[in-house]
Amino acid sequence: MSAPAPPSPTANAPGTSGSAQAVLGIFLAVLLGLLAYRGYGSHFGARPTEPAVAAPVDLNAAGEAELVQVPGIGSKTAQSIVLHRQTHGPFRSVEELRNVRGIGAQTLEKVRHRFHTETIATDPLAPPEPPATITRTSFSSPLTSDPPPLPPRPVASTGAKKLQPGDPPIDVNTASPDELQRLPGVGPVMAHAIVTARATKPFDSVNDLDRVKGIGAKTLDKLRPFVTVR
């Protein structure tokens, strides 16, 4: 009876199959790592997208809708810029923004680089300038008080009857021109002169009527029974 064949050293060598599996696992891990790097490595390593810098805005052409897009310029400030442009004409430099209401030194420093003034032209939103006209203006001296308003121009009597002896006297400081024309010898011109004189200084007595142009001593004697001063 023959002896059994000895076992193969390769088949029974301990750890042979385990080593092969370990090498295969490492290979697969490395392969997966390479694939992951290629798929996601560029994504994680890329720099964040930088915001695009807006082009400077033309101060002499931009409307309110475009002005409010500039950081630091609100709706009220945009309205002030357009109003200043309409009132004073186009901006000749960005520095003139200091003249706009609501824009100080700090705000100007923030927005200076966001504006330019290439277009020096008439603002299309500005109203047309009216033609120059020459108007007559009255001037009064600051050292003197304003003169009293002149009484109305003399008007002919409306037919009122002249006063008769015994009729109540007329107060020359308050009577209207029509009432003054009821006095004997007083027509529209003299009534106007009496009103003009009392507008400058009221009469203190009946005798003061002699300072009215056209009233002499004889005329004053005729008027005494019919006039009074209160």
C-alpha atoms as a PDB file:
ATOM      1  CA  MET A   1       0.000   0.000   0.000  1.00  0.00           C
ATOM      2  CA  SER A   2       1.487   3.363  -1.179  1.00  0.00           C
ATOM      3  CA  ALA A   3       1.959   6.406   1.093  1.00  0.00           C
ATOM      4  CA  PRO A   4      -0.319   9.542   0.583  1.00  0.00           C
ATOM      5  CA  ALA A   5       1.108  12.522  -1.376  1.00  0.00           C
ATOM      6  CA  PRO A   6       2.405  15.403   0.750  1.00  0.00           C
ATOM      7  CA  PRO A   7       0.241  18.599   0.731  1.00  0.00           C
ATOM      8  CA  SER A   8       1.185  21.506  -1.562  1.00  0.00           C
ATOM      9  CA  PRO A   9       3.104  24.196   0.300  1.00  0.00           C
ATOM     10  CA  THR A  10       1.401  27.026  -1.714  1.00  0.00           C
ATOM     11  CA  ALA A  11      -2.128  25.899  -1.063  1.00  0.00           C
ATOM     12  CA  ASN A  12      -1.631  25.488   2.633  1.00  0.00           C
ATOM     13  CA  ALA A  13       0.628  28.564   3.194  1.00  0.00           C
ATOM     14  CA  PRO A  14      -1.015  30.684   5.848  1.00  0.00           C
ATOM     15  CA  GLY A  15      -1.911  34.365   4.941  1.00  0.00           C
ATOM     16  CA  THR A  16      -1.522  33.983   1.152  1.00  0.00           C
ATOM     17  CA  SER A  17      -5.173  34.722   0.241  1.00  0.00           C
ATOM     18  CA  GLY A  18      -5.455  37.431   2.947  1.00  0.00           C
ATOM     19  CA  SER A  19      -2.473  39.382   1.540  1.00  0.00           C
ATOM     20  CA  ALA A  20      -3.967  39.364  -1.947  1.00  0.00           C
ATOM     21  CA  GLN A  21      -7.241  40.709  -0.650  1.00  0.00           C
ATOM     22  CA  ALA A  22      -5.451  43.426   1.301  1.00  0.00           C
ATOM     23  CA  VAL A  23      -3.520  44.565  -1.779  1.00  0.00           C
ATOM     24  CA  LEU A  24      -6.717  44.571  -3.844  1.00  0.00           C
ATOM     25  CA  GLY A  25      -8.490  46.644  -1.178  1.00  0.00           C
ATOM     26  CA  ILE A  26      -5.687  49.185  -1.107  1.00  0.00           C
ATOM     27  CA  PHE A  27      -5.754  49.435  -4.892  1.00  0.00           C
ATOM     28  CA  LEU A  28      -9.487  50.014  -4.918  1.00  0.00           C
ATOM     29  CA  ALA A  29      -9.210  52.636  -2.175  1.00  0.00           C
ATOM     30  CA  VAL A  30      -6.527  54.505  -4.105  1.00  0.00           C
ATOM     31  CA  LEU A  31      -8.603  54.318  -7.287  1.00  0.00           C
ATOM     32  CA  LEU A  32     -11.680  55.671  -5.578  1.00  0.00           C
ATOM     33  CA  GLY A  33      -9.614  58.464  -4.032  1.00  0.00           C
ATOM     34  CA  LEU A  34      -8.276  59.480  -7.438  1.00  0.00           C
ATOM     35  CA  LEU A  35     -11.767  59.513  -8.892  1.00  0.00           C
ATOM     36  CA  ALA A  36     -13.093  61.596  -5.994  1.00  0.00           C
ATOM     37  CA  TYR A  37     -10.237  64.080  -6.335  1.00  0.00           C
ATOM     38  CA  ARG A  38     -10.819  64.514 -10.031  1.00  0.00           C
ATOM     39  CA  GLY A  39     -14.534  64.972  -9.512  1.00  0.00           C
ATOM     40  CA  TYR A  40     -14.537  67.264  -6.487  1.00  0.00           C
ATOM     41  CA  GLY A  41     -10.968  68.461  -5.998  1.00  0.00           C
ATOM     42  CA  SER A  42     -11.254  71.329  -8.465  1.00  0.00           C
ATOM     43  CA  HIS A  43     -14.568  72.347  -6.938  1.00  0.00           C
ATOM     44  CA  PHE A  44     -13.184  72.678  -3.403  1.00  0.00           C
ATOM     45  CA  GLY A  45      -9.958  74.311  -4.513  1.00  0.00           C
ATOM     46  CA  ALA A  46     -11.489  77.004  -6.713  1.00  0.00           C
ATOM     47  CA  ARG A  47     -11.593  80.622  -5.498  1.00  0.00           C
ATOM     48  CA  PRO A  48     -15.004  82.211  -4.884  1.00  0.00           C
ATOM     49  CA  THR A  49     -16.317  84.277  -7.762  1.00  0.00           C
ATOM     50  CA  GLU A  50     -15.523  87.980  -7.278  1.00  0.00           C
ATOM     51  CA  PRO A  51     -18.360  90.420  -7.951  1.00  0.00           C
ATOM     52  CA  ALA A  52     -17.985  92.450 -11.110  1.00  0.00           C
ATOM     53  CA  VAL A  53     -17.171  96.117 -10.586  1.00  0.00           C
ATOM     54  CA  ALA A  54     -19.847  98.373 -12.123  1.00  0.00           C
ATOM     55  CA  ALA A  55     -18.740 101.044 -14.576  1.00  0.00           C
ATOM     56  CA  PRO A  56     -18.740 104.644 -13.270  1.00  0.00           C
ATOM     57  CA  VAL A  57     -22.031 106.508 -13.680  1.00  0.00           C
ATOM     58  CA  ASP A  58     -22.205 109.749 -15.656  1.00  0.00           C
ATOM     59  CA  LEU A  59     -23.420 112.450 -13.267  1.00  0.00           C
ATOM     60  CA  ASN A  60     -24.760 114.568 -16.136  1.00  0.00           C
ATOM     61  CA  ALA A  61     -26.732 111.826 -17.905  1.00  0.00           C
ATOM     62  CA  ALA A  62     -27.972 109.430 -15.206  1.00  0.00           C
ATOM     63  CA  GLY A  63     -31.553 109.623 -13.973  1.00  0.00           C
ATOM     64  CA  GLU A  64     -32.823 108.823 -10.496  1.00  0.00           C
ATOM     65  CA  ALA A  65     -33.309 105.128 -11.315  1.00  0.00           C
ATOM     66  CA  GLU A  66     -29.635 104.778 -12.288  1.00  0.00           C
ATOM     67  CA  LEU A  67     -28.317 106.934  -9.449  1.00  0.00           C
ATOM     68  CA  VAL A  68     -29.970 104.835  -6.736  1.00  0.00           C
ATOM     69  CA  GLN A  69     -28.051 101.782  -8.009  1.00  0.00           C
ATOM     70  CA  VAL A  70     -24.848 103.332  -6.678  1.00  0.00           C
ATOM     71  CA  PRO A  71     -24.094 102.135  -3.118  1.00  0.00           C
ATOM     72  CA  GLY A  72     -24.470 105.021  -0.685  1.00  0.00           C
ATOM     73  CA  ILE A  73     -26.968 106.936  -2.859  1.00  0.00           C
ATOM     74  CA  GLY A  74     -30.572 106.678  -1.695  1.00  0.00           C
ATOM     75  CA  SER A  75     -33.725 107.897  -3.394  1.00  0.00           C
ATOM     76  CA  LYS A  76     -33.689 111.294  -1.633  1.00  0.00           C
ATOM     77  CA  THR A  77     -30.051 111.900  -2.510  1.00  0.00           C
ATOM     78  CA  ALA A  78     -30.713 110.875  -6.131  1.00  0.00           C
ATOM     79  CA  GLN A  79     -33.555 113.391  -6.287  1.00  0.00           C
ATOM     80  CA  SER A  80     -31.260 116.074  -4.834  1.00  0.00           C
ATOM     81  CA  ILE A  81     -28.592 115.335  -7.476  1.00  0.00           C
ATOM     82  CA  VAL A  82     -31.096 115.657 -10.329  1.00  0.00           C
ATOM     83  CA  LEU A  83     -32.601 118.815  -8.794  1.00  0.00           C
ATOM     84  CA  HIS A  84     -29.160 120.403  -8.371  1.00  0.00           C
ATOM     85  CA  ARG A  85     -28.350 119.559 -12.002  1.00  0.00           C
ATOM     86  CA  GLN A  86     -31.586 121.124 -13.211  1.00  0.00           C
ATOM     87  CA  THR A  87     -31.090 124.248 -11.116  1.00  0.00           C
ATOM     88  CA  HIS A  88     -27.349 124.902 -11.488  1.00  0.00           C
ATOM     89  CA  GLY A  89     -26.540 123.144 -14.756  1.00  0.00           C
ATOM     90  CA  PRO A  90     -24.328 120.093 -15.455  1.00  0.00           C
ATOM     91  CA  PHE A  91     -21.613 118.980 -13.054  1.00  0.00           C
ATOM     92  CA  ARG A  92     -18.116 119.949 -14.187  1.00  0.00           C
ATOM     93  CA  SER A  93     -16.401 117.611 -11.725  1.00  0.00           C
ATOM     94  CA  VAL A  94     -17.301 114.922  -9.224  1.00  0.00           C
ATOM     95  CA  GLU A  95     -16.139 117.289  -6.464  1.00  0.00           C
ATOM     96  CA  GLU A  96     -19.224 119.431  -7.095  1.00  0.00           C
ATOM     97  CA  LEU A  97     -21.286 116.719  -5.395  1.00  0.00           C
ATOM     98  CA  ARG A  98     -20.318 118.489  -2.153  1.00  0.00           C
ATOM     99  CA  ASN A  99     -22.788 121.193  -3.178  1.00  0.00           C
ATOM    100  CA  VAL A 100     -25.663 118.699  -3.269  1.00  0.00           C
ATOM    101  CA  ARG A 101     -27.876 118.595  -0.207  1.00  0.00           C
ATOM    102  CA  GLY A 102     -27.324 115.389   1.773  1.00  0.00           C
ATOM    103  CA  ILE A 103     -23.808 114.648   0.452  1.00  0.00           C
ATOM    104  CA  GLY A 104     -21.007 115.337   2.911  1.00  0.00           C
ATOM    105  CA  ALA A 105     -17.288 114.654   2.849  1.00  0.00           C
ATOM    106  CA  GLN A 106     -17.634 111.028   3.982  1.00  0.00           C
ATOM    107  CA  THR A 107     -20.322 110.195   1.431  1.00  0.00           C
ATOM    108  CA  LEU A 108     -18.284 111.827  -1.328  1.00  0.00           C
ATOM    109  CA  GLU A 109     -15.254 109.690  -0.475  1.00  0.00           C
ATOM    110  CA  LYS A 110     -17.403 106.535  -0.703  1.00  0.00           C
ATOM    111  CA  VAL A 111     -18.954 107.322  -4.079  1.00  0.00           C
ATOM    112  CA  ARG A 112     -16.203 109.379  -5.724  1.00  0.00           C
ATOM    113  CA  HIS A 113     -14.862 106.472  -7.805  1.00  0.00           C
ATOM    114  CA  ARG A 114     -18.358 105.498  -8.949  1.00  0.00           C
ATOM    115  CA  PHE A 115     -19.064 108.716 -10.875  1.00  0.00           C
ATOM    116  CA  HIS A 116     -17.578 110.653 -13.747  1.00  0.00           C
ATOM    117  CA  THR A 117     -18.513 113.825 -15.637  1.00  0.00           C
ATOM    118  CA  GLU A 118     -17.683 113.132 -19.260  1.00  0.00           C
ATOM    119  CA  THR A 119     -20.946 114.546 -20.592  1.00  0.00           C
ATOM    120  CA  ILE A 120     -20.887 118.317 -20.089  1.00  0.00           C
ATOM    121  CA  ALA A 121     -24.143 119.155 -21.831  1.00  0.00           C
ATOM    122  CA  THR A 122     -27.510 120.584 -21.072  1.00  0.00           C
ATOM    123  CA  ASP A 123     -29.510 118.279 -18.857  1.00  0.00           C
ATOM    124  CA  PRO A 124     -32.414 116.922 -20.944  1.00  0.00           C
ATOM    125  CA  LEU A 125     -34.585 116.891 -17.815  1.00  0.00           C
ATOM    126  CA  ALA A 126     -33.950 120.561 -17.042  1.00  0.00           C
ATOM    127  CA  PRO A 127     -36.649 123.042 -18.080  1.00  0.00           C
ATOM    128  CA  PRO A 128     -35.652 125.553 -20.770  1.00  0.00           C
ATOM    129  CA  GLU A 129     -34.345 128.838 -19.466  1.00  0.00           C
ATOM    130  CA  PRO A 130     -36.807 131.699 -19.945  1.00  0.00           C
ATOM    131  CA  PRO A 131     -35.634 134.616 -22.074  1.00  0.00           C
ATOM    132  CA  ALA A 132     -34.152 137.493 -20.175  1.00  0.00           C
ATOM    133  CA  THR A 133     -36.624 140.274 -19.545  1.00  0.00           C
ATOM    134  CA  ILE A 134     -36.240 143.707 -18.045  1.00  0.00           C
ATOM    135  CA  THR A 135     -38.788 144.534 -15.414  1.00  0.00           C
ATOM    136  CA  ARG A 136     -39.355 147.783 -13.621  1.00  0.00           C
ATOM    137  CA  THR A 137     -38.762 147.508  -9.903  1.00  0.00           C
ATOM    138  CA  SER A 138     -39.516 150.138  -7.340  1.00  0.00           C
ATOM    139  CA  PHE A 139     -36.966 150.707  -4.609  1.00  0.00           C
ATOM    140  CA  SER A 140     -37.399 152.343  -1.237  1.00  0.00           C
ATOM    141  CA  SER A 141     -34.672 153.735   0.944  1.00  0.00           C
ATOM    142  CA  PRO A 142     -33.875 151.499   3.955  1.00  0.00           C
ATOM    143  CA  LEU A 143     -33.367 154.655   6.036  1.00  0.00           C
ATOM    144  CA  THR A 144     -36.923 155.936   5.590  1.00  0.00           C
ATOM    145  CA  SER A 145     -40.262 154.342   6.306  1.00  0.00           C
ATOM    146  CA  ASP A 146     -42.545 153.351   3.470  1.00  0.00           C
ATOM    147  CA  PRO A 147     -44.750 156.236   2.344  1.00  0.00           C
ATOM    148  CA  PRO A 148     -48.483 155.894   3.018  1.00  0.00           C
ATOM    149  CA  PRO A 149     -50.561 154.543   0.145  1.00  0.00           C
ATOM    150  CA  LEU A 150     -51.806 157.198  -2.187  1.00  0.00           C
ATOM    151  CA  PRO A 151     -55.556 157.834  -2.196  1.00  0.00           C
ATOM    152  CA  PRO A 152     -57.545 157.010  -5.310  1.00  0.00           C
ATOM    153  CA  ARG A 153     -57.552 159.453  -8.153  1.00  0.00           C
ATOM    154  CA  PRO A 154     -60.246 162.160  -7.942  1.00  0.00           C
ATOM    155  CA  VAL A 155     -63.596 161.166  -9.315  1.00  0.00           C
ATOM    156  CA  ALA A 156     -66.402 163.539 -10.181  1.00  0.00           C
ATOM    157  CA  SER A 157     -69.201 163.759  -7.688  1.00  0.00           C
ATOM    158  CA  THR A 158     -72.119 161.430  -8.128  1.00  0.00           C
ATOM    159  CA  GLY A 159     -74.551 164.322  -7.746  1.00  0.00           C
ATOM    160  CA  ALA A 160     -74.654 164.629  -3.940  1.00  0.00           C
ATOM    161  CA  LYS A 161     -76.206 167.860  -2.767  1.00  0.00           C
ATOM    162  CA  LYS A 162     -74.029 170.542  -1.244  1.00  0.00           C
ATOM    163  CA  LEU A 163     -74.309 171.133   2.476  1.00  0.00           C
ATOM    164  CA  GLN A 164     -76.648 173.841   3.617  1.00  0.00           C
ATOM    165  CA  PRO A 165     -76.379 175.970   6.755  1.00  0.00           C
ATOM    166  CA  GLY A 166     -77.561 173.949   9.722  1.00  0.00           C
ATOM    167  CA  ASP A 167     -76.522 170.550   8.240  1.00  0.00           C
ATOM    168  CA  PRO A 168     -74.239 168.385  10.404  1.00  0.00           C
ATOM    169  CA  PRO A 169     -70.538 169.159   9.724  1.00  0.00           C
ATOM    170  CA  ILE A 170     -68.265 166.700   7.957  1.00  0.00           C
ATOM    171  CA  ASP A 171     -65.176 165.266   9.658  1.00  0.00           C
ATOM    172  CA  VAL A 172     -62.341 166.009   7.204  1.00  0.00           C
ATOM    173  CA  ASN A 173     -60.223 163.203   8.736  1.00  0.00           C
ATOM    174  CA  THR A 174     -62.695 160.428   7.924  1.00  0.00           C
ATOM    175  CA  ALA A 175     -64.980 161.676   5.120  1.00  0.00           C
ATOM    176  CA  SER A 176     -64.845 159.989   1.752  1.00  0.00           C
ATOM    177  CA  PRO A 177     -64.058 161.979  -1.420  1.00  0.00           C
ATOM    178  CA  ASP A 178     -67.762 162.001  -2.322  1.00  0.00           C
ATOM    179  CA  GLU A 179     -68.679 163.409   1.084  1.00  0.00           C
ATOM    180  CA  LEU A 180     -65.951 166.069   0.841  1.00  0.00           C
ATOM    181  CA  GLN A 181     -67.380 167.200  -2.498  1.00  0.00           C
ATOM    182  CA  ARG A 182     -70.577 168.216  -0.680  1.00  0.00           C
ATOM    183  CA  LEU A 183     -68.581 171.050   0.924  1.00  0.00           C
ATOM    184  CA  PRO A 184     -69.028 174.458  -0.729  1.00  0.00           C
ATOM    185  CA  GLY A 185     -66.265 175.205  -3.213  1.00  0.00           C
ATOM    186  CA  VAL A 186     -64.839 171.657  -3.044  1.00  0.00           C
ATOM    187  CA  GLY A 187     -64.709 169.628  -6.256  1.00  0.00           C
ATOM    188  CA  PRO A 188     -63.076 166.264  -7.072  1.00  0.00           C
ATOM    189  CA  VAL A 189     -59.556 167.763  -7.353  1.00  0.00           C
ATOM    190  CA  MET A 190     -59.696 169.539  -4.001  1.00  0.00           C
ATOM    191  CA  ALA A 191     -61.329 166.531  -2.336  1.00  0.00           C
ATOM    192  CA  HIS A 192     -58.409 164.417  -3.573  1.00  0.00           C
ATOM    193  CA  ALA A 193     -55.951 167.010  -2.230  1.00  0.00           C
ATOM    194  CA  ILE A 194     -57.611 166.888   1.218  1.00  0.00           C
ATOM    195  CA  VAL A 195     -57.413 163.079   1.311  1.00  0.00           C
ATOM    196  CA  THR A 196     -53.750 163.179   0.220  1.00  0.00           C
ATOM    197  CA  ALA A 197     -52.860 165.725   2.926  1.00  0.00           C
ATOM    198  CA  ARG A 198     -54.529 163.805   5.756  1.00  0.00           C
ATOM    199  CA  ALA A 199     -52.885 160.537   4.577  1.00  0.00           C
ATOM    200  CA  THR A 200     -49.518 162.156   5.311  1.00  0.00           C
ATOM    201  CA  LYS A 201     -50.651 163.662   8.613  1.00  0.00           C
ATOM    202  CA  PRO A 202     -54.197 163.857  10.015  1.00  0.00           C
ATOM    203  CA  PHE A 203     -55.609 167.302  10.636  1.00  0.00           C
ATOM    204  CA  ASP A 204     -55.364 168.472  14.246  1.00  0.00           C
ATOM    205  CA  SER A 205     -57.793 171.335  13.746  1.00  0.00           C
ATOM    206  CA  VAL A 206     -59.873 173.002  11.047  1.00  0.00           C
ATOM    207  CA  ASN A 207     -57.096 175.570  10.607  1.00  0.00           C
ATOM    208  CA  ASP A 208     -54.803 172.773   9.357  1.00  0.00           C
ATOM    209  CA  LEU A 209     -56.798 172.746   6.124  1.00  0.00           C
ATOM    210  CA  ASP A 210     -54.694 175.696   4.993  1.00  0.00           C
ATOM    211  CA  ARG A 211     -51.863 173.256   4.203  1.00  0.00           C
ATOM    212  CA  VAL A 212     -54.022 171.694   1.504  1.00  0.00           C
ATOM    213  CA  LYS A 213     -53.112 172.917  -1.945  1.00  0.00           C
ATOM    214  CA  GLY A 214     -55.901 175.161  -3.242  1.00  0.00           C
ATOM    215  CA  ILE A 215     -57.351 176.137   0.141  1.00  0.00           C
ATOM    216  CA  GLY A 216     -56.572 179.709   1.048  1.00  0.00           C
ATOM    217  CA  ALA A 217     -57.914 181.992   3.742  1.00  0.00           C
ATOM    218  CA  LYS A 218     -61.150 182.799   1.880  1.00  0.00           C
ATOM    219  CA  THR A 219     -61.918 179.165   1.074  1.00  0.00           C
ATOM    220  CA  LEU A 220     -61.155 178.181   4.657  1.00  0.00           C
ATOM    221  CA  ASP A 221     -63.641 180.763   5.969  1.00  0.00           C
ATOM    222  CA  LYS A 222     -66.339 179.271   3.711  1.00  0.00           C
ATOM    223  CA  LEU A 223     -65.573 175.753   4.972  1.00  0.00           C
ATOM    224  CA  ARG A 224     -65.484 176.440   8.718  1.00  0.00           C
ATOM    225  CA  PRO A 225     -69.256 176.127   9.363  1.00  0.00           C
ATOM    226  CA  PHE A 226     -69.395 172.807   7.501  1.00  0.00           C
ATOM    227  CA  VAL A 227     -66.306 170.920   8.701  1.00  0.00           C
ATOM    228  CA  THR A 228     -65.017 169.485  11.942  1.00  0.00           C
ATOM    229  CA  VAL A 229     -61.978 167.560  13.162  1.00  0.00           C
ATOM    230  CA  ARG A 230     -62.303 164.647  15.567  1.00  0.00           C
END
